[in-house]
Amino acid sequence: MTVNGRGKIVAGGGVEHTGSEGAKIYVIDADSGSLESTSPVISNGWNDLWHIAVDETQDLVYASLNKEIWQYNITNNHLVKVPEGDGSTGGVAVTKFGQLVFAKGSSLVVKFGNDVTTHTLSEELTGPISCSSVYDDILWLSYASSFSLFDLTYGEQGKHQTMFTPWKVQHYWVDEIEYLLVGEHTAVHLYQVTDYSLSLKTLF
């Protein structure tokens, strides 16, 4: 996939360690595997830079760190803080429509240009936010012991309780069947989606 003359963007977070300048975002061209750019230092702290999202149409990378949201412009190597992101508690995502999404406690914030909309969630969100690869208007939210489906128009629609702390939820469509791949600290779990109240069929 080529975007604005480059291959698909892959972004990862660097972590502060002894002798380093601090936490940074590293951008890799997925076609060539080459390091395309490195952001200025985001933080000199020791927190991990886990939550990163890419807006390939605008050449932007967003990162959530230390209760702040940062925007890194790959083209001009410019790093700025997103003002509305102060107090963020979980992950960050960019939808296919170009909306920036992040959490503040039990609120989900959706920002598009200068328009900011806030939605009430069922509980505090501290885990990742992921976009469905099946439907453009669907997000998946990872809580402490559950994950839920969030519709950008109608809000939170269904919730699935787990015996583990879910990490990122990936939504796939294979041979006209929908699946969810849900990670945790030491394993992954595969579910078949049977309905959107999230009564899922566990495969492993």
C-alpha atoms as a PDB file:
ATOM      1  CA  MET A   1       0.000   0.000   0.000  1.00  0.00           C
ATOM      2  CA  THR A   2       1.358   3.396  -0.947  1.00  0.00           C
ATOM      3  CA  VAL A   3       0.286   6.600   0.821  1.00  0.00           C
ATOM      4  CA  ASN A   4       1.466   9.982  -0.457  1.00  0.00           C
ATOM      5  CA  GLY A   5       4.352   8.338  -2.312  1.00  0.00           C
ATOM      6  CA  ARG A   6       5.491   6.176   0.624  1.00  0.00           C
ATOM      7  CA  GLY A   7       4.736   2.652   1.716  1.00  0.00           C
ATOM      8  CA  LYS A   8       2.382   1.867   4.562  1.00  0.00           C
ATOM      9  CA  ILE A   9       3.511   3.559   7.774  1.00  0.00           C
ATOM     10  CA  VAL A  10       4.494   1.545  10.811  1.00  0.00           C
ATOM     11  CA  ALA A  11       5.084   3.458  14.045  1.00  0.00           C
ATOM     12  CA  GLY A  12       6.552   2.238  17.318  1.00  0.00           C
ATOM     13  CA  GLY A  13       7.478   3.811  20.626  1.00  0.00           C
ATOM     14  CA  GLY A  14      10.917   4.056  22.141  1.00  0.00           C
ATOM     15  CA  VAL A  15      11.295   3.888  25.911  1.00  0.00           C
ATOM     16  CA  GLU A  16      13.571   6.015  28.083  1.00  0.00           C
ATOM     17  CA  HIS A  17      16.578   4.096  29.389  1.00  0.00           C
ATOM     18  CA  THR A  18      19.986   4.922  30.803  1.00  0.00           C
ATOM     19  CA  GLY A  19      22.017   6.816  28.202  1.00  0.00           C
ATOM     20  CA  SER A  20      19.074   7.638  25.911  1.00  0.00           C
ATOM     21  CA  GLU A  21      17.592  11.064  25.248  1.00  0.00           C
ATOM     22  CA  GLY A  22      14.075   9.948  26.190  1.00  0.00           C
ATOM     23  CA  ALA A  23      10.906   8.366  24.772  1.00  0.00           C
ATOM     24  CA  LYS A  24      10.435   8.891  21.014  1.00  0.00           C
ATOM     25  CA  ILE A  25       8.253   7.722  18.115  1.00  0.00           C
ATOM     26  CA  TYR A  26      10.016   5.765  15.376  1.00  0.00           C
ATOM     27  CA  VAL A  27       8.415   5.678  11.905  1.00  0.00           C
ATOM     28  CA  ILE A  28       9.238   2.821   9.515  1.00  0.00           C
ATOM     29  CA  ASP A  29       8.284   2.455   5.850  1.00  0.00           C
ATOM     30  CA  ALA A  30       6.609  -0.971   5.824  1.00  0.00           C
ATOM     31  CA  ASP A  31       7.475  -1.616   2.164  1.00  0.00           C
ATOM     32  CA  SER A  32      11.205  -1.029   2.468  1.00  0.00           C
ATOM     33  CA  GLY A  33      11.674  -1.683   6.184  1.00  0.00           C
ATOM     34  CA  SER A  34      13.755   1.464   6.471  1.00  0.00           C
ATOM     35  CA  LEU A  35      13.595   3.924   9.359  1.00  0.00           C
ATOM     36  CA  GLU A  36      11.944   6.984   7.855  1.00  0.00           C
ATOM     37  CA  SER A  37      11.978   9.409  10.762  1.00  0.00           C
ATOM     38  CA  THR A  38      12.339   9.770  14.519  1.00  0.00           C
ATOM     39  CA  SER A  39      10.316  12.224  16.555  1.00  0.00           C
ATOM     40  CA  PRO A  40      11.741  14.712  19.022  1.00  0.00           C
ATOM     41  CA  VAL A  41      11.758  13.526  22.647  1.00  0.00           C
ATOM     42  CA  ILE A  42       8.248  13.197  24.073  1.00  0.00           C
ATOM     43  CA  SER A  43       9.184  12.448  27.666  1.00  0.00           C
ATOM     44  CA  ASN A  44      12.243  11.977  29.854  1.00  0.00           C
ATOM     45  CA  GLY A  45      10.286   9.729  32.177  1.00  0.00           C
ATOM     46  CA  TRP A  46      10.395   5.943  32.434  1.00  0.00           C
ATOM     47  CA  ASN A  47       6.834   5.184  31.323  1.00  0.00           C
ATOM     48  CA  ASP A  48       6.369   2.897  28.327  1.00  0.00           C
ATOM     49  CA  LEU A  49       5.020   4.383  25.098  1.00  0.00           C
ATOM     50  CA  TRP A  50       2.402   1.693  24.469  1.00  0.00           C
ATOM     51  CA  HIS A  51      -0.443   3.542  22.749  1.00  0.00           C
ATOM     52  CA  ILE A  52       0.241   4.764  19.201  1.00  0.00           C
ATOM     53  CA  ALA A  53      -2.066   5.423  16.219  1.00  0.00           C
ATOM     54  CA  VAL A  54      -1.296   6.421  12.634  1.00  0.00           C
ATOM     55  CA  ASP A  55      -3.250   8.753  10.340  1.00  0.00           C
ATOM     56  CA  GLU A  56      -1.693   7.756   7.013  1.00  0.00           C
ATOM     57  CA  THR A  57      -3.714  10.199   4.927  1.00  0.00           C
ATOM     58  CA  GLN A  58      -2.254  13.157   6.841  1.00  0.00           C
ATOM     59  CA  ASP A  59       1.207  11.682   7.619  1.00  0.00           C
ATOM     60  CA  LEU A  60       0.508  12.018  11.347  1.00  0.00           C
ATOM     61  CA  VAL A  61       1.275   9.737  14.281  1.00  0.00           C
ATOM     62  CA  TYR A  62      -0.496  10.107  17.636  1.00  0.00           C
ATOM     63  CA  ALA A  63       0.828   8.831  20.960  1.00  0.00           C
ATOM     64  CA  SER A  64      -0.702   8.631  24.430  1.00  0.00           C
ATOM     65  CA  LEU A  65       1.796   9.022  27.271  1.00  0.00           C
ATOM     66  CA  ASN A  66       1.687  10.393  30.831  1.00  0.00           C
ATOM     67  CA  LYS A  67      -2.007  11.360  30.499  1.00  0.00           C
ATOM     68  CA  GLU A  68      -1.285  13.447  27.383  1.00  0.00           C
ATOM     69  CA  ILE A  69      -1.886  12.997  23.643  1.00  0.00           C
ATOM     70  CA  TRP A  70       0.910  13.995  21.263  1.00  0.00           C
ATOM     71  CA  GLN A  71       0.785  14.559  17.508  1.00  0.00           C
ATOM     72  CA  TYR A  72       3.898  13.910  15.427  1.00  0.00           C
ATOM     73  CA  ASN A  73       3.981  15.259  11.860  1.00  0.00           C
ATOM     74  CA  ILE A  74       6.213  12.970   9.811  1.00  0.00           C
ATOM     75  CA  THR A  75       6.585  15.462   6.956  1.00  0.00           C
ATOM     76  CA  ASN A  76       8.032  18.376   8.948  1.00  0.00           C
ATOM     77  CA  ASN A  77       9.264  16.463  12.033  1.00  0.00           C
ATOM     78  CA  HIS A  78       7.031  18.626  14.225  1.00  0.00           C
ATOM     79  CA  LEU A  79       5.801  17.343  17.608  1.00  0.00           C
ATOM     80  CA  VAL A  80       2.895  19.091  19.380  1.00  0.00           C
ATOM     81  CA  LYS A  81       0.613  18.251  22.282  1.00  0.00           C
ATOM     82  CA  VAL A  82      -3.118  17.880  21.556  1.00  0.00           C
ATOM     83  CA  PRO A  83      -4.729  20.323  24.043  1.00  0.00           C
ATOM     84  CA  GLU A  84      -7.933  18.309  24.404  1.00  0.00           C
ATOM     85  CA  GLY A  85      -5.885  15.247  25.357  1.00  0.00           C
ATOM     86  CA  ASP A  86      -4.785  16.480  28.782  1.00  0.00           C
ATOM     87  CA  GLY A  87      -5.987  13.947  31.351  1.00  0.00           C
ATOM     88  CA  SER A  88      -6.267  11.047  28.906  1.00  0.00           C
ATOM     89  CA  THR A  89      -6.339   7.647  30.614  1.00  0.00           C
ATOM     90  CA  GLY A  90      -6.120   5.011  27.878  1.00  0.00           C
ATOM     91  CA  GLY A  91      -5.234   4.350  24.289  1.00  0.00           C
ATOM     92  CA  VAL A  92      -5.551   6.428  21.156  1.00  0.00           C
ATOM     93  CA  ALA A  93      -6.945   5.613  17.713  1.00  0.00           C
ATOM     94  CA  VAL A  94      -7.570   7.258  14.346  1.00  0.00           C
ATOM     95  CA  THR A  95     -10.650   6.150  12.395  1.00  0.00           C
ATOM     96  CA  LYS A  96     -10.821   5.727   8.617  1.00  0.00           C
ATOM     97  CA  PHE A  97     -12.726   9.028   8.580  1.00  0.00           C
ATOM     98  CA  GLY A  98      -9.740  10.797  10.187  1.00  0.00           C
ATOM     99  CA  GLN A  99     -11.289  11.168  13.653  1.00  0.00           C
ATOM    100  CA  LEU A 100      -8.916  11.160  16.616  1.00  0.00           C
ATOM    101  CA  VAL A 101     -10.288   9.054  19.487  1.00  0.00           C
ATOM    102  CA  PHE A 102      -9.048   8.814  23.079  1.00  0.00           C
ATOM    103  CA  ALA A 103     -10.399   8.255  26.585  1.00  0.00           C
ATOM    104  CA  LYS A 104     -10.636  10.429  29.668  1.00  0.00           C
ATOM    105  CA  GLY A 105     -11.768   8.191  32.490  1.00  0.00           C
ATOM    106  CA  SER A 106     -15.292   7.042  31.652  1.00  0.00           C
ATOM    107  CA  SER A 107     -15.595   9.431  28.690  1.00  0.00           C
ATOM    108  CA  LEU A 108     -14.629   8.760  25.085  1.00  0.00           C
ATOM    109  CA  VAL A 109     -13.506  11.843  23.166  1.00  0.00           C
ATOM    110  CA  VAL A 110     -13.854  12.019  19.371  1.00  0.00           C
ATOM    111  CA  LYS A 111     -12.044  14.932  17.682  1.00  0.00           C
ATOM    112  CA  PHE A 112     -12.314  15.859  14.012  1.00  0.00           C
ATOM    113  CA  GLY A 113     -10.740  19.173  13.076  1.00  0.00           C
ATOM    114  CA  ASN A 114     -12.042  21.675  15.617  1.00  0.00           C
ATOM    115  CA  ASP A 115     -15.123  19.596  16.460  1.00  0.00           C
ATOM    116  CA  VAL A 116     -14.932  17.636  19.711  1.00  0.00           C
ATOM    117  CA  THR A 117     -17.633  15.207  20.867  1.00  0.00           C
ATOM    118  CA  THR A 118     -17.683  13.401  24.219  1.00  0.00           C
ATOM    119  CA  HIS A 119     -19.484  10.091  24.856  1.00  0.00           C
ATOM    120  CA  THR A 120     -20.182   8.477  28.238  1.00  0.00           C
ATOM    121  CA  LEU A 121     -18.779   4.968  28.728  1.00  0.00           C
ATOM    122  CA  SER A 122     -19.852   2.189  31.082  1.00  0.00           C
ATOM    123  CA  GLU A 123     -16.638   2.449  33.170  1.00  0.00           C
ATOM    124  CA  GLU A 124     -13.177   4.008  33.201  1.00  0.00           C
ATOM    125  CA  LEU A 125     -11.173   3.110  30.113  1.00  0.00           C
ATOM    126  CA  THR A 126      -7.435   2.615  30.617  1.00  0.00           C
ATOM    127  CA  GLY A 127      -6.675   0.070  27.889  1.00  0.00           C
ATOM    128  CA  PRO A 128      -6.225   0.268  24.116  1.00  0.00           C
ATOM    129  CA  ILE A 129      -8.731   1.540  21.554  1.00  0.00           C
ATOM    130  CA  SER A 130      -8.729  -0.209  18.182  1.00  0.00           C
ATOM    131  CA  CYS A 131     -10.601   0.400  14.934  1.00  0.00           C
ATOM    132  CA  SER A 132     -12.526  -2.393  13.264  1.00  0.00           C
ATOM    133  CA  SER A 133     -11.102  -3.531   9.935  1.00  0.00           C
ATOM    134  CA  VAL A 134     -14.595  -4.755   8.991  1.00  0.00           C
ATOM    135  CA  TYR A 135     -16.744  -1.661   9.640  1.00  0.00           C
ATOM    136  CA  ASP A 136     -15.486   1.927   9.388  1.00  0.00           C
ATOM    137  CA  ASP A 137     -17.700   3.236  12.210  1.00  0.00           C
ATOM    138  CA  ILE A 138     -16.901   0.584  14.829  1.00  0.00           C
ATOM    139  CA  LEU A 139     -14.296   0.791  17.614  1.00  0.00           C
ATOM    140  CA  TRP A 140     -13.225  -1.790  20.194  1.00  0.00           C
ATOM    141  CA  LEU A 141     -12.495  -0.659  23.751  1.00  0.00           C
ATOM    142  CA  SER A 142     -10.376  -2.661  26.225  1.00  0.00           C
ATOM    143  CA  TYR A 143     -11.300  -2.363  29.913  1.00  0.00           C
ATOM    144  CA  ALA A 144      -9.757  -3.977  33.009  1.00  0.00           C
ATOM    145  CA  SER A 145     -11.744  -7.227  32.670  1.00  0.00           C
ATOM    146  CA  SER A 146     -13.909  -6.802  29.576  1.00  0.00           C
ATOM    147  CA  PHE A 147     -14.005  -5.342  26.074  1.00  0.00           C
ATOM    148  CA  SER A 148     -16.822  -3.580  24.287  1.00  0.00           C
ATOM    149  CA  LEU A 149     -18.064  -2.530  20.874  1.00  0.00           C
ATOM    150  CA  PHE A 150     -18.458   1.213  20.347  1.00  0.00           C
ATOM    151  CA  ASP A 151     -20.481   2.600  17.435  1.00  0.00           C
ATOM    152  CA  LEU A 152     -19.466   6.151  16.456  1.00  0.00           C
ATOM    153  CA  THR A 153     -23.116   7.032  15.864  1.00  0.00           C
ATOM    154  CA  TYR A 154     -24.947   5.112  18.601  1.00  0.00           C
ATOM    155  CA  GLY A 155     -22.301   4.756  21.315  1.00  0.00           C
ATOM    156  CA  GLU A 156     -21.418   1.649  23.314  1.00  0.00           C
ATOM    157  CA  GLN A 157     -23.469  -1.300  22.066  1.00  0.00           C
ATOM    158  CA  GLY A 158     -22.227  -4.486  23.708  1.00  0.00           C
ATOM    159  CA  LYS A 159     -19.762  -5.707  26.305  1.00  0.00           C
ATOM    160  CA  HIS A 160     -17.996  -9.035  26.822  1.00  0.00           C
ATOM    161  CA  GLN A 161     -16.660  -9.975  30.255  1.00  0.00           C
ATOM    162  CA  THR A 162     -13.321 -11.789  30.443  1.00  0.00           C
ATOM    163  CA  MET A 163     -11.264 -13.664  33.025  1.00  0.00           C
ATOM    164  CA  PHE A 164      -8.199 -11.698  31.931  1.00  0.00           C
ATOM    165  CA  THR A 165      -7.188  -8.112  31.176  1.00  0.00           C
ATOM    166  CA  PRO A 166      -7.665  -7.722  27.421  1.00  0.00           C
ATOM    167  CA  TRP A 167      -5.084  -5.841  25.424  1.00  0.00           C
ATOM    168  CA  LYS A 168      -5.808  -4.954  21.820  1.00  0.00           C
ATOM    169  CA  VAL A 169      -8.912  -6.275  20.028  1.00  0.00           C
ATOM    170  CA  GLN A 170      -8.566  -7.032  16.302  1.00  0.00           C
ATOM    171  CA  HIS A 171     -11.704  -7.486  14.176  1.00  0.00           C
ATOM    172  CA  TYR A 172     -11.483  -9.653  11.030  1.00  0.00           C
ATOM    173  CA  TRP A 173     -13.763 -11.036   8.317  1.00  0.00           C
ATOM    174  CA  VAL A 174     -12.699 -14.413   6.864  1.00  0.00           C
ATOM    175  CA  ASP A 175     -14.898 -16.348   4.414  1.00  0.00           C
ATOM    176  CA  GLU A 176     -17.929 -14.225   5.409  1.00  0.00           C
ATOM    177  CA  ILE A 177     -17.452 -15.003   9.113  1.00  0.00           C
ATOM    178  CA  GLU A 178     -16.448 -12.333  11.631  1.00  0.00           C
ATOM    179  CA  TYR A 179     -13.752 -13.018  14.215  1.00  0.00           C
ATOM    180  CA  LEU A 180     -12.161 -11.178  17.121  1.00  0.00           C
ATOM    181  CA  LEU A 181      -8.555 -11.781  18.105  1.00  0.00           C
ATOM    182  CA  VAL A 182      -7.991 -10.506  21.642  1.00  0.00           C
ATOM    183  CA  GLY A 183      -4.562 -10.343  23.227  1.00  0.00           C
ATOM    184  CA  GLU A 184      -3.574 -10.452  26.871  1.00  0.00           C
ATOM    185  CA  HIS A 185      -0.250 -10.525  28.711  1.00  0.00           C
ATOM    186  CA  THR A 186       0.669 -14.147  27.966  1.00  0.00           C
ATOM    187  CA  ALA A 187      -1.851 -15.397  25.388  1.00  0.00           C
ATOM    188  CA  VAL A 188      -4.324 -14.562  22.635  1.00  0.00           C
ATOM    189  CA  HIS A 189      -7.990 -15.540  22.400  1.00  0.00           C
ATOM    190  CA  LEU A 190     -10.053 -16.094  19.261  1.00  0.00           C
ATOM    191  CA  TYR A 191     -13.805 -15.498  19.187  1.00  0.00           C
ATOM    192  CA  GLN A 192     -16.449 -15.843  16.496  1.00  0.00           C
ATOM    193  CA  VAL A 193     -18.887 -12.927  16.404  1.00  0.00           C
ATOM    194  CA  THR A 194     -22.467 -14.196  16.410  1.00  0.00           C
ATOM    195  CA  ASP A 195     -24.259 -10.965  17.305  1.00  0.00           C
ATOM    196  CA  TYR A 196     -23.409  -7.465  18.492  1.00  0.00           C
ATOM    197  CA  SER A 197     -24.665  -7.949  22.021  1.00  0.00           C
ATOM    198  CA  LEU A 198     -21.263  -9.719  22.161  1.00  0.00           C
ATOM    199  CA  SER A 199     -22.476 -13.198  23.023  1.00  0.00           C
ATOM    200  CA  LEU A 200     -19.332 -14.583  21.431  1.00  0.00           C
ATOM    201  CA  LYS A 201     -18.378 -18.137  20.552  1.00  0.00           C
ATOM    202  CA  THR A 202     -14.964 -18.898  22.050  1.00  0.00           C
ATOM    203  CA  LEU A 203     -12.704 -20.811  19.633  1.00  0.00           C
ATOM    204  CA  PHE A 204      -9.526 -20.750  21.750  1.00  0.00           C
END
